[in-house]
Amino acid sequence: MTVQQRWWVYGGAGVVAALFAAVDLSRGSMSASGAATAVLFALLVGGGIATMRMMPAVALAAAWAAGLVQIFGDVPLTVAEVPLLAVMFCAARWGSLGTVIAAAAAIPAAPVAVLLAGMMGIYRFYRFGFAEVLSGGWGRSDVALVAFAGLVLPWLLGLTMRFVDRAQGARRLQESAEAEAALAHEQTITAQERAAQAEELAAQAQELTAQAHEIARLREEQNRLTRDVHDVVGHSLTVILAQAESAQFRGHDDVAALQETMRTIAASARLSLQDVRGVLSPGSPRRTSARLEAILASVAEMNGRETDIARVGVARPLPPELDEVACRVLQEMLTNALKHGDPAERLHVELAWPDEHGLADSLRIEVVNATESVAETAGQRAESTLDHDEPGGLGSGIEGMRRRLASVGGRLDVRRRDSGDGSTFTATAWVPVRDVGGRGADRIQEEHGGESRP
């Protein structure tokens, strides 16, 4: 029930009680002043009934005022006063602590006041039918006892229900708190389970990431080995093929030349085998810059073609990663030149080291070779071979060299030049130089005679 509905219900009850009291009191003969007092008494009774639920303190005050008006106004007892007992119930049930105490104090005070007023002649409560009650042997003490019981019983009932409601409210609060605690505990367990699942997923993700990194590393290592083996084997097989082809044109009676060719082939194969073992052996020592000169010497001695090798600047030792790139790029350049070049033309190779004044910071490797024919088809075939990787995408050819150089900050340039005398291909690579210092540069210069080109 809403507050507005309560006002309507209890207000209607108060109006009914006031009207009933006024009608009941009007049956006796009263003076004009007595009639006015009776009306005031009826209004106070109706006001107490109307406010006893929403305003227990006001209702208790109205009941006290009605009692005082009844005593000092000599208002007879009426049945309309019976609903005032509900005021005691409401005061104990819904009133504040002060209201409950005031209602408790009214329990003995009301009958005592009535008895004293009757003994002093102020109030004659035995009129209008109560004379018969007294004539039956009831005295004033009996009436006082009945009044006391009539007040204390509703007050005790209201107080009892008040405590019951509080107990039930406390129990409901306890149950609600326990339910919230259980829910919080369940949520905590759920959060812990989710946290454990998240940790497990994170661990799985970390493990998968580590596996992916390991797979990527293994693939990169596999690609590196493939590129290195391709460069080493391709270079050595090209040199061996050139030697074998040159042996076909030697006379059958030139045993010494044939033996020399076989020794050159064996030396080239042996060097290739050594290089392959170095690539496949993780613990093998890394090359030094002297390896560049060894590659040039192998080409000059074993390929069967006239080769011009020029060295510009002062050679110096390179860090292992730069020396590895320089060697592989030089091998690939020479392999392409021997494979696609004209065997009747000279091969030009140049190593240009940075000068001491720091005008350049890269080792320039350049290989120039003439093609077999100036025909467009031959040029296209050679250019296609140079400009694209071999089938399988293993990192060989021009793209392989570009990737190697880019990994250390270098670059590659490949150009074809057509002229009336024929066509040439020029491959130029720039490898950044970071000098490792020491006496290695002087030793390399002494071994190879310094500059070879004025």
Protein backbone atom coordinates (compact mmCIF):
# COMPACT_ATOMS: atom_id res chain seq x y z
CA MET A 1 0.00 0.00 0.00
CA THR A 2 1.33 3.40 -0.93
CA VAL A 3 1.51 6.38 1.45
CA GLN A 4 -1.32 8.12 -0.38
CA GLN A 5 -3.53 5.07 -0.11
CA ARG A 6 -2.79 4.84 3.63
CA TRP A 7 -3.85 8.43 4.14
CA TRP A 8 -7.11 7.74 2.36
CA VAL A 9 -7.80 4.59 4.44
CA TYR A 10 -6.84 5.94 7.87
CA GLY A 11 -8.25 9.38 7.13
CA GLY A 12 -11.58 7.79 6.25
CA ALA A 13 -11.47 5.76 9.47
CA GLY A 14 -10.82 8.95 11.45
CA VAL A 15 -13.77 10.72 9.85
CA VAL A 16 -16.02 7.77 10.65
CA ALA A 17 -14.79 7.69 14.27
CA ALA A 18 -15.37 11.44 14.70
CA LEU A 19 -18.88 11.25 13.30
CA PHE A 20 -19.71 8.24 15.45
CA ALA A 21 -18.45 10.00 18.58
CA ALA A 22 -20.42 13.15 17.79
CA VAL A 23 -23.61 11.18 17.16
CA ASP A 24 -23.15 9.09 20.30
CA LEU A 25 -22.56 12.12 22.51
CA SER A 26 -25.45 14.04 21.01
CA ARG A 27 -27.95 11.59 22.44
CA GLY A 28 -27.63 13.10 25.87
CA SER A 29 -28.90 16.48 27.02
CA MET A 30 -26.01 18.94 26.91
CA SER A 31 -25.69 22.68 27.11
CA ALA A 32 -24.26 24.74 24.27
CA SER A 33 -20.81 24.73 25.90
CA GLY A 34 -21.06 21.01 26.47
CA ALA A 35 -21.96 20.46 22.82
CA ALA A 36 -18.93 22.47 21.71
CA THR A 37 -16.69 20.42 24.01
CA ALA A 38 -18.18 17.21 22.63
CA VAL A 39 -17.46 18.33 19.07
CA LEU A 40 -13.84 19.13 20.02
CA PHE A 41 -13.55 15.74 21.68
CA ALA A 42 -14.93 14.02 18.54
CA LEU A 43 -12.47 15.89 16.29
CA LEU A 44 -9.53 14.88 18.51
CA VAL A 45 -10.67 11.25 18.41
CA GLY A 46 -10.99 11.37 14.62
CA GLY A 47 -7.58 13.07 14.27
CA GLY A 48 -5.90 10.42 16.40
CA ILE A 49 -7.40 7.64 14.30
CA ALA A 50 -6.48 9.36 11.01
CA THR A 51 -2.79 9.93 11.92
CA MET A 52 -2.00 6.84 14.00
CA ARG A 53 -0.23 4.95 11.13
CA MET A 54 1.75 7.67 9.41
CA MET A 55 2.27 10.02 12.41
CA PRO A 56 2.12 7.92 15.63
CA ALA A 57 3.43 10.76 17.83
CA VAL A 58 0.72 13.16 16.59
CA ALA A 59 -1.93 10.48 17.09
CA LEU A 60 -0.72 9.84 20.67
CA ALA A 61 -0.85 13.58 21.41
CA ALA A 62 -4.37 13.78 19.97
CA ALA A 63 -5.44 10.86 22.20
CA TRP A 64 -3.97 12.58 25.29
CA ALA A 65 -5.73 15.81 24.34
CA ALA A 66 -9.02 13.95 23.86
CA GLY A 67 -8.62 12.42 27.33
CA LEU A 68 -7.97 15.81 28.96
CA VAL A 69 -10.94 17.35 27.14
CA GLN A 70 -13.07 14.43 28.29
CA ILE A 71 -11.99 14.81 31.94
CA PHE A 72 -12.11 18.59 32.30
CA GLY A 73 -15.02 19.03 29.85
CA ASP A 74 -17.06 16.41 31.70
CA VAL A 75 -17.57 14.46 28.45
CA PRO A 76 -19.17 11.06 29.08
CA LEU A 77 -17.58 7.82 28.01
CA THR A 78 -18.46 6.67 24.49
CA VAL A 79 -17.94 3.59 22.37
CA ALA A 80 -16.17 5.83 19.79
CA GLU A 81 -13.17 5.91 22.18
CA VAL A 82 -12.46 2.23 21.64
CA PRO A 83 -10.55 2.81 18.32
CA LEU A 84 -8.14 4.98 20.35
CA LEU A 85 -6.69 1.74 21.66
CA ALA A 86 -5.28 1.25 18.17
CA VAL A 87 -3.26 4.45 18.74
CA MET A 88 -1.33 2.63 21.48
CA PHE A 89 -0.67 -0.23 19.09
CA CYS A 90 0.57 2.09 16.33
CA ALA A 91 2.72 4.11 18.75
CA ALA A 92 4.49 0.95 19.93
CA ARG A 93 4.58 -0.59 16.45
CA TRP A 94 5.78 2.26 14.23
CA GLY A 95 6.56 5.20 16.54
CA SER A 96 9.98 6.49 17.46
CA LEU A 97 11.65 5.56 20.73
CA GLY A 98 10.26 8.67 22.43
CA THR A 99 6.78 7.86 21.17
CA VAL A 100 7.05 4.31 22.52
CA ILE A 101 8.10 5.61 25.95
CA ALA A 102 5.35 8.24 25.96
CA ALA A 103 2.79 5.56 25.13
CA ALA A 104 4.15 3.37 27.94
CA ALA A 105 3.83 6.28 30.34
CA ALA A 106 0.18 6.81 29.31
CA ILE A 107 -0.74 3.27 30.31
CA PRO A 108 -0.76 3.88 34.11
CA ALA A 109 -1.33 7.62 33.86
CA ALA A 110 -4.71 7.43 32.08
CA PRO A 111 -6.61 5.27 34.61
CA VAL A 112 -5.05 7.12 37.57
CA ALA A 113 -6.14 10.46 36.12
CA VAL A 114 -9.66 9.18 35.63
CA LEU A 115 -9.88 7.89 39.24
CA LEU A 116 -8.49 11.08 40.74
CA ALA A 117 -10.81 13.21 38.66
CA GLY A 118 -13.78 11.13 39.77
CA MET A 119 -12.78 11.29 43.44
CA MET A 120 -12.40 15.05 43.25
CA GLY A 121 -15.76 15.42 41.58
CA ILE A 122 -14.29 16.82 38.39
CA TYR A 123 -15.39 13.92 36.23
CA ARG A 124 -18.42 11.67 36.54
CA PHE A 125 -17.60 8.80 34.18
CA TYR A 126 -20.57 6.69 35.40
CA ARG A 127 -23.21 8.60 33.46
CA PHE A 128 -25.03 7.32 30.38
CA GLY A 129 -25.22 3.64 31.15
CA PHE A 130 -22.14 3.14 33.27
CA ALA A 131 -24.26 3.45 36.41
CA GLU A 132 -25.51 0.00 35.66
CA VAL A 133 -21.93 -1.24 35.52
CA LEU A 134 -21.19 0.26 38.90
CA SER A 135 -24.42 -1.01 40.37
CA GLY A 136 -23.27 -4.50 39.46
CA GLY A 137 -20.50 -4.28 42.01
CA TRP A 138 -17.81 -2.61 39.94
CA GLY A 139 -15.88 0.02 41.76
CA ARG A 140 -13.56 2.71 40.49
CA SER A 141 -10.54 0.43 40.96
CA ASP A 142 -12.15 -2.21 38.78
CA VAL A 143 -12.74 0.34 36.03
CA ALA A 144 -9.14 1.56 36.38
CA LEU A 145 -7.84 -2.01 36.06
CA VAL A 146 -9.90 -2.61 32.92
CA ALA A 147 -8.63 0.67 31.45
CA PHE A 148 -5.05 -0.31 32.28
CA ALA A 149 -5.48 -3.69 30.61
CA GLY A 150 -7.14 -2.07 27.60
CA LEU A 151 -4.13 0.19 27.12
CA VAL A 152 -1.29 -2.19 27.90
CA LEU A 153 -2.43 -5.04 25.68
CA PRO A 154 -2.33 -3.16 22.32
CA TRP A 155 0.93 -1.47 23.40
CA LEU A 156 2.55 -4.85 24.15
CA LEU A 157 1.19 -6.28 20.90
CA GLY A 158 2.64 -3.37 18.88
CA LEU A 159 5.98 -3.64 20.70
CA THR A 160 6.10 -7.38 20.08
CA MET A 161 5.41 -6.98 16.40
CA ARG A 162 8.02 -4.21 16.28
CA PHE A 163 10.66 -6.57 17.64
CA VAL A 164 9.49 -9.36 15.36
CA ASP A 165 9.80 -7.08 12.32
CA ARG A 166 13.26 -5.99 13.42
CA ALA A 167 14.31 -9.57 13.90
CA GLN A 168 12.93 -10.49 10.52
CA GLY A 169 14.65 -7.45 8.98
CA ALA A 170 17.91 -8.42 10.64
CA ARG A 171 17.49 -11.96 9.38
CA ARG A 172 16.74 -10.69 5.90
CA LEU A 173 19.80 -8.45 6.05
CA GLN A 174 21.87 -11.38 7.24
CA GLU A 175 20.53 -13.58 4.46
CA SER A 176 21.15 -10.82 1.94
CA ALA A 177 24.66 -10.34 3.27
CA GLU A 178 25.28 -14.09 3.15
CA ALA A 179 23.89 -14.22 -0.39
CA GLU A 180 26.11 -11.31 -1.42
CA ALA A 181 29.07 -12.95 0.29
CA ALA A 182 28.33 -16.22 -1.53
CA LEU A 183 27.97 -14.35 -4.81
CA ALA A 184 31.20 -12.47 -4.15
CA HIS A 185 32.92 -15.75 -3.30
CA GLU A 186 31.55 -17.32 -6.47
CA GLN A 187 32.65 -14.31 -8.49
CA THR A 188 36.08 -14.49 -6.85
CA ILE A 189 36.37 -18.15 -7.76
CA THR A 190 35.19 -17.37 -11.28
CA ALA A 191 37.68 -14.52 -11.53
CA GLN A 192 40.44 -16.80 -10.27
CA GLU A 193 39.45 -19.46 -12.79
CA ARG A 194 39.39 -16.88 -15.56
CA ALA A 195 42.74 -15.54 -14.41
CA ALA A 196 44.13 -19.07 -14.44
CA GLN A 197 42.68 -19.61 -17.91
CA ALA A 198 44.14 -16.29 -19.04
CA GLU A 199 47.53 -17.27 -17.64
CA GLU A 200 47.27 -20.63 -19.37
CA LEU A 201 46.31 -18.96 -22.65
CA ALA A 202 49.14 -16.46 -22.21
CA ALA A 203 51.56 -19.31 -21.58
CA GLN A 204 50.26 -21.13 -24.65
CA ALA A 205 50.53 -17.94 -26.70
CA GLN A 206 54.06 -17.41 -25.42
CA GLU A 207 54.92 -20.99 -26.25
CA LEU A 208 53.41 -20.63 -29.73
CA THR A 209 55.31 -17.36 -30.19
CA ALA A 210 58.53 -19.05 -29.14
CA GLN A 211 57.80 -21.91 -31.54
CA ALA A 212 57.05 -19.44 -34.33
CA HIS A 213 60.31 -17.62 -33.62
CA GLU A 214 62.17 -20.90 -33.59
CA ILE A 215 60.54 -21.96 -36.87
CA ALA A 216 61.38 -18.58 -38.39
CA ARG A 217 64.95 -18.90 -37.14
CA LEU A 218 65.26 -22.42 -38.54
CA ARG A 219 63.80 -21.30 -41.87
CA GLU A 220 66.16 -18.37 -41.98
CA GLU A 221 69.05 -20.69 -41.16
CA GLN A 222 67.86 -23.10 -43.84
CA ASN A 223 67.65 -20.27 -46.37
CA ARG A 224 71.09 -19.07 -45.39
CA LEU A 225 72.57 -22.53 -45.78
CA THR A 226 70.79 -22.90 -49.12
CA ARG A 227 72.16 -19.61 -50.37
CA ASP A 228 75.68 -20.37 -49.14
CA VAL A 229 75.71 -23.88 -50.59
CA HIS A 230 74.29 -22.57 -53.86
CA ASP A 231 76.98 -19.90 -54.10
CA VAL A 232 79.83 -22.23 -53.19
CA VAL A 233 78.75 -25.18 -55.32
CA GLY A 234 77.59 -23.02 -58.20
CA HIS A 235 80.88 -21.15 -58.33
CA SER A 236 83.07 -24.25 -58.08
CA LEU A 237 80.99 -26.22 -60.61
CA THR A 238 81.18 -23.31 -63.03
CA VAL A 239 84.96 -23.23 -62.71
CA ILE A 240 85.15 -27.02 -63.10
CA LEU A 241 82.86 -26.87 -66.13
CA ALA A 242 85.05 -24.20 -67.71
CA GLN A 243 88.16 -26.35 -67.15
CA ALA A 244 86.44 -29.45 -68.53
CA GLU A 245 85.29 -27.59 -71.63
CA SER A 246 88.77 -26.18 -72.23
CA ALA A 247 90.25 -29.70 -72.00
CA GLN A 248 88.24 -30.75 -75.04
CA PHE A 249 90.30 -28.49 -77.24
CA ARG A 250 93.68 -29.76 -76.07
CA GLY A 251 95.50 -32.29 -78.15
CA HIS A 252 95.41 -35.94 -77.17
CA ASP A 253 99.18 -36.04 -77.10
CA ASP A 254 99.39 -33.05 -74.73
CA VAL A 255 99.39 -35.21 -71.63
CA ALA A 256 101.00 -32.60 -69.44
CA ALA A 257 98.28 -30.03 -70.23
CA LEU A 258 95.56 -32.58 -69.58
CA GLN A 259 97.18 -33.53 -66.29
CA GLU A 260 97.39 -29.86 -65.36
CA THR A 261 93.71 -29.44 -66.17
CA MET A 262 92.79 -32.42 -64.01
CA ARG A 263 94.87 -31.05 -61.17
CA THR A 264 93.07 -27.71 -61.51
CA ILE A 265 89.69 -29.46 -61.46
CA ALA A 266 90.70 -31.45 -58.39
CA ALA A 267 91.95 -28.32 -56.63
CA SER A 268 88.71 -26.51 -57.44
CA ALA A 269 86.63 -29.44 -56.16
CA ARG A 270 88.77 -29.69 -53.05
CA LEU A 271 88.35 -25.97 -52.36
CA SER A 272 84.61 -26.27 -52.94
CA LEU A 273 84.38 -29.21 -50.57
CA GLN A 274 86.27 -27.22 -47.97
CA ASP A 275 83.88 -24.31 -48.41
CA VAL A 276 80.81 -26.55 -48.14
CA ARG A 277 82.15 -28.08 -44.94
CA GLY A 278 82.75 -24.61 -43.58
CA VAL A 279 79.16 -23.62 -44.38
CA LEU A 280 77.65 -26.76 -42.86
CA SER A 281 79.85 -26.76 -39.76
CA PRO A 282 78.50 -24.25 -37.20
CA GLY A 283 81.77 -24.18 -35.28
CA SER A 284 84.02 -23.56 -38.27
CA PRO A 285 86.17 -20.43 -38.18
CA ARG A 286 84.89 -17.45 -40.16
CA ARG A 287 86.73 -16.20 -43.21
CA THR A 288 89.05 -13.20 -43.29
CA SER A 289 89.37 -10.68 -46.08
CA ALA A 290 92.16 -12.79 -47.60
CA ARG A 291 89.37 -15.07 -48.84
CA LEU A 292 88.39 -12.46 -51.44
CA GLU A 293 91.83 -12.71 -52.95
CA ALA A 294 91.64 -16.52 -52.86
CA ILE A 295 88.42 -16.43 -54.85
CA LEU A 296 89.98 -14.11 -57.43
CA ALA A 297 93.04 -16.34 -57.68
CA SER A 298 90.88 -19.42 -58.22
CA VAL A 299 89.08 -17.73 -61.08
CA ALA A 300 92.27 -16.50 -62.67
CA GLU A 301 93.95 -19.91 -62.46
CA MET A 302 91.07 -22.34 -63.03
CA ASN A 303 88.46 -20.93 -65.34
CA GLY A 304 90.47 -21.18 -68.52
CA ARG A 305 89.65 -17.60 -69.53
CA GLU A 306 91.84 -14.57 -69.59
CA THR A 307 90.94 -12.45 -66.58
CA ASP A 308 91.95 -8.89 -65.71
CA ILE A 309 91.96 -8.38 -61.94
CA ALA A 310 92.39 -4.86 -60.63
CA ARG A 311 92.78 -3.78 -57.01
CA VAL A 312 92.32 -0.16 -56.02
CA GLY A 313 93.07 1.24 -52.61
CA VAL A 314 94.44 -0.45 -49.53
CA ALA A 315 92.90 -3.80 -48.60
CA ARG A 316 91.84 -4.20 -45.02
CA PRO A 317 90.30 -6.92 -42.85
CA LEU A 318 86.51 -6.92 -42.60
CA PRO A 319 84.22 -8.05 -39.78
CA PRO A 320 83.04 -11.63 -40.35
CA GLU A 321 79.48 -10.72 -41.40
CA LEU A 322 80.72 -8.19 -44.00
CA ASP A 323 83.44 -10.50 -45.27
CA GLU A 324 80.88 -13.30 -45.68
CA VAL A 325 78.61 -11.07 -47.78
CA ALA A 326 81.49 -9.78 -49.89
CA CYS A 327 82.74 -13.32 -50.62
CA ARG A 328 79.31 -14.68 -51.53
CA VAL A 329 78.48 -11.73 -53.77
CA LEU A 330 81.83 -11.96 -55.55
CA GLN A 331 81.34 -15.71 -56.07
CA GLU A 332 77.85 -15.16 -57.53
CA MET A 333 79.09 -12.41 -59.83
CA LEU A 334 81.94 -14.59 -61.15
CA THR A 335 79.63 -17.58 -61.52
CA ASN A 336 77.17 -15.58 -63.62
CA ALA A 337 79.99 -14.10 -65.69
CA LEU A 338 81.56 -17.51 -66.39
CA LYS A 339 78.20 -19.13 -67.07
CA HIS A 340 76.71 -16.52 -69.40
CA GLY A 341 79.75 -14.66 -70.71
CA ASP A 342 81.61 -15.16 -73.96
CA PRO A 343 84.53 -17.52 -73.25
CA ALA A 344 86.52 -15.87 -76.02
CA GLU A 345 86.42 -12.47 -74.32
CA ARG A 346 88.36 -11.27 -71.31
CA LEU A 347 86.76 -11.07 -67.91
CA HIS A 348 87.30 -7.84 -65.94
CA VAL A 349 87.19 -7.86 -62.13
CA GLU A 350 87.89 -4.91 -59.84
CA LEU A 351 88.08 -4.52 -56.05
CA ALA A 352 88.06 -0.86 -55.00
CA TRP A 353 88.71 -0.23 -51.32
CA PRO A 354 87.85 3.12 -49.66
CA ASP A 355 90.75 5.58 -49.69
CA GLU A 356 92.42 6.78 -46.54
CA HIS A 357 90.81 10.23 -46.75
CA GLY A 358 87.36 8.77 -46.19
CA LEU A 359 85.86 9.95 -49.47
CA ALA A 360 84.10 6.58 -49.72
CA ASP A 361 82.88 4.17 -47.06
CA SER A 362 82.21 1.02 -49.11
CA LEU A 363 84.15 -1.72 -50.84
CA ARG A 364 83.17 -1.66 -54.52
CA ILE A 365 83.18 -5.00 -56.32
CA GLU A 366 82.68 -4.88 -60.07
CA VAL A 367 82.63 -7.67 -62.66
CA VAL A 368 82.35 -6.92 -66.41
CA ASN A 369 81.93 -9.64 -69.03
CA ALA A 370 81.00 -9.76 -72.70
CA THR A 371 78.06 -11.85 -73.81
CA GLU A 372 78.38 -14.62 -76.37
CA SER A 373 76.41 -12.76 -79.05
CA VAL A 374 74.89 -9.40 -79.66
CA ALA A 375 71.71 -11.09 -80.84
CA GLU A 376 68.63 -9.94 -79.03
CA THR A 377 67.62 -13.47 -78.05
CA ALA A 378 70.95 -14.19 -76.44
CA GLY A 379 70.83 -10.87 -74.62
CA GLN A 380 67.36 -11.57 -73.37
CA ARG A 381 68.39 -15.01 -72.16
CA ALA A 382 71.38 -13.63 -70.30
CA GLU A 383 69.44 -10.72 -68.86
CA SER A 384 66.65 -13.04 -67.70
CA THR A 385 69.18 -15.28 -66.01
CA LEU A 386 70.80 -12.34 -64.28
CA ASP A 387 67.73 -10.46 -63.23
CA HIS A 388 65.76 -13.34 -61.69
CA ASP A 389 66.29 -16.00 -59.11
CA GLU A 390 66.44 -19.61 -60.14
CA PRO A 391 63.30 -21.75 -59.79
CA GLY A 392 62.38 -22.58 -56.21
CA GLY A 393 63.02 -19.14 -54.74
CA LEU A 394 66.13 -20.20 -52.84
CA GLY A 395 67.75 -16.78 -52.87
CA SER A 396 70.24 -17.21 -55.73
CA GLY A 397 70.95 -14.86 -58.59
CA ILE A 398 70.49 -11.11 -58.60
CA GLU A 399 67.76 -11.09 -55.94
CA GLY A 400 69.87 -13.22 -53.64
CA MET A 401 72.78 -10.79 -53.94
CA ARG A 402 70.50 -7.84 -53.34
CA ARG A 403 69.13 -9.41 -50.16
CA ARG A 404 72.60 -10.22 -48.89
CA LEU A 405 73.80 -6.68 -49.49
CA ALA A 406 70.66 -5.07 -48.08
CA SER A 407 71.09 -7.06 -44.85
CA VAL A 408 74.34 -5.17 -44.13
CA GLY A 409 73.37 -1.82 -45.68
CA GLY A 410 74.92 -2.40 -49.10
CA ARG A 411 73.47 -2.20 -52.61
CA LEU A 412 73.76 -3.76 -56.07
CA ASP A 413 73.61 -2.36 -59.59
CA VAL A 414 73.37 -4.50 -62.76
CA ARG A 415 73.57 -2.89 -66.20
CA ARG A 416 73.68 -4.10 -69.79
CA ARG A 417 75.48 -2.06 -72.40
CA ASP A 418 75.04 -2.65 -76.15
CA SER A 419 77.51 -1.25 -78.65
CA GLY A 420 78.65 -1.95 -82.15
CA ASP A 421 81.38 -4.27 -80.86
CA GLY A 422 79.02 -6.38 -78.78
CA SER A 423 77.13 -6.43 -75.49
CA THR A 424 78.50 -6.39 -71.97
CA PHE A 425 77.03 -6.92 -68.55
CA THR A 426 78.36 -5.01 -65.58
CA ALA A 427 77.52 -6.04 -62.01
CA THR A 428 78.61 -3.63 -59.28
CA ALA A 429 78.20 -4.17 -55.56
CA TRP A 430 78.92 -1.82 -52.68
CA VAL A 431 79.73 -3.43 -49.33
CA PRO A 432 79.97 -1.06 -46.30
CA VAL A 433 83.42 -1.16 -44.73
CA ARG A 434 83.88 -1.15 -40.99
CA ASP A 435 87.56 -1.58 -40.35
CA VAL A 436 88.37 -4.02 -37.54
CA GLY A 437 91.79 -2.34 -37.05
CA GLY A 438 95.02 -4.04 -36.14
CA ARG A 439 97.79 -5.09 -38.49
CA GLY A 440 95.54 -7.12 -40.75
CA ALA A 441 95.35 -4.38 -43.39
CA ASP A 442 99.14 -4.09 -43.69
CA ARG A 443 99.48 -7.85 -43.94
CA ILE A 444 96.89 -8.13 -46.72
CA GLN A 445 98.53 -5.27 -48.60
CA GLU A 446 101.93 -6.98 -48.37
CA GLU A 447 100.50 -10.34 -49.53
CA HIS A 448 98.88 -8.89 -52.67
CA GLY A 449 101.26 -6.08 -53.52
CA GLY A 450 99.01 -3.15 -52.71
CA GLU A 451 97.46 -1.37 -55.69
CA SER A 452 97.31 -3.22 -58.98
CA ARG A 453 95.88 -0.39 -61.01
CA PRO A 454 97.50 3.03 -61.33
